Amino acid sequence: MKGFNLSEWAVTHRPLTLFLILLVSLSGTWAYLHLGRAEDPDFTVKIMIISAQWPGATADEMQRLVADPIEKKLQEVPYFDKVKTYSRPGSVVMQLTLMDSMPPSEVKESWYQTRKRVSDIKINLPSGVLGPFFNDEFGDVDSLLYVLTGQDFTLRELKDEAEIIRQALLRVPSVAKVRFYGEQAECIYVELNHAKLATLGVTAQTIFTSIAKQNAVTPAGDLETAADTIYLRVDGSLKGTEALAEVPVQSNGKIFRLGDIATLRRGPQDPPTFTVRHEGTPGIALGVVMAKGANIQEFGHHLNAAMARIRENLPLGFEISQVADQPEVVSESVKEFVRSFVEALVIVLAVSFLSLGWRTGVVVALAVPLVLAMV
């Protein structure tokens, strides 16, 4: 019984064979052009950082009253491997690691369960604890990095303009997120003159208590009507330095105005936690993260077009500069790969023609790109 001969079938069915070759070649070319490209491959990081703060607490109190209850709850998380805890006065940081055998597709669900389980015991933590806070975004890499600067603008004005740019960038195809670097939290500083306070008989603790009471937002009940329910609220929240200056401070039977016994000023956090400078000028950096599986080169073209429109609409005095360009790095890497591939293919074909003859050489010349297209 004669077996099936693929070569004979291909020769006797030449039109179908040519059609299949053309189809495979076109499919391979299309797949290459739409292949996802990035400088580094996507990978899943199975680590989460959990942190909490409790101003005034000792390291031992942070461990016993905050870290221990959270650790016990973390041990219930699916695929739990280990947790490392670092306690110090006023804060605690925990590093949760999942098992290596955990499927990457289940990591997001595990992080959700972690947040849910820890949030369930938040009510049992001591009063005054801030957090817990969660961070599991270690695998996100900024594809492009821009810096917004303005010679005569404050950090607040830079932040406001950076937020407008962020909203515009989020509408660009394949943009997953836009992150800020170098932004400083704005604070209202209450500067006390201790000599003056001693003369008036006012303590610093009295001032802190007065501000906390005035800044409280508490429900005052509700009013039932025939058509609807109207909720009443006594809003004492402080809206700015002017409102803070009017806070009454009571001491020894006397009432003082906070603005009369202290100096109030608005400014950025001092000392700053993280700063960005471009060519010596303070600024705010914007890191753009590409969506997973996207083509970094197409992503770069879309982003450059969007940034050109943004620059046209920038207010006078603002300047935005590009300091990192991953699409350009990937483009150069792809060009280097194609150049090396063509050189290798030419060498193989030259050896084939010289050693096997032109007919066999043509077969090899057609087989190499066809096999690559199939792969």
Foldseek 3Di string as FASTA:
>chain_A
DDDDDPVVVCVVPVVVNVVVLVVLLVLLVVCVVFFADFPDAFDFAQKKKWKKFAAPAAQVCCCVQPVVVLLVLLVPQPQWDDKDWDTGHGMIMIMTGGDPPDDSVCSVVSVVSSVVSSVVCPVVGDPRMGDGDMDRPPRWDFQWKKWKFFQPDALVVQVVLVVVLQVLLVPFPQWPHKDKFARFDKDKDWAADVVLCVVVVHDPVQLVVLLVVLQDKDWPAWDDDPVDIGTHIDGSHDDDDVSQQQRWGDDPRDIDGSVVGTPIDMDTDPPGPGWDDDPRTTTMMMGTTGHPRGHLLVSQVRSVVSVVVSVVPDPPRMDMDIDHHRNVVRVVVVVVVVVVVVVVLVVVLVVCCVPPNDVRSVVVNSVVSSVSSND
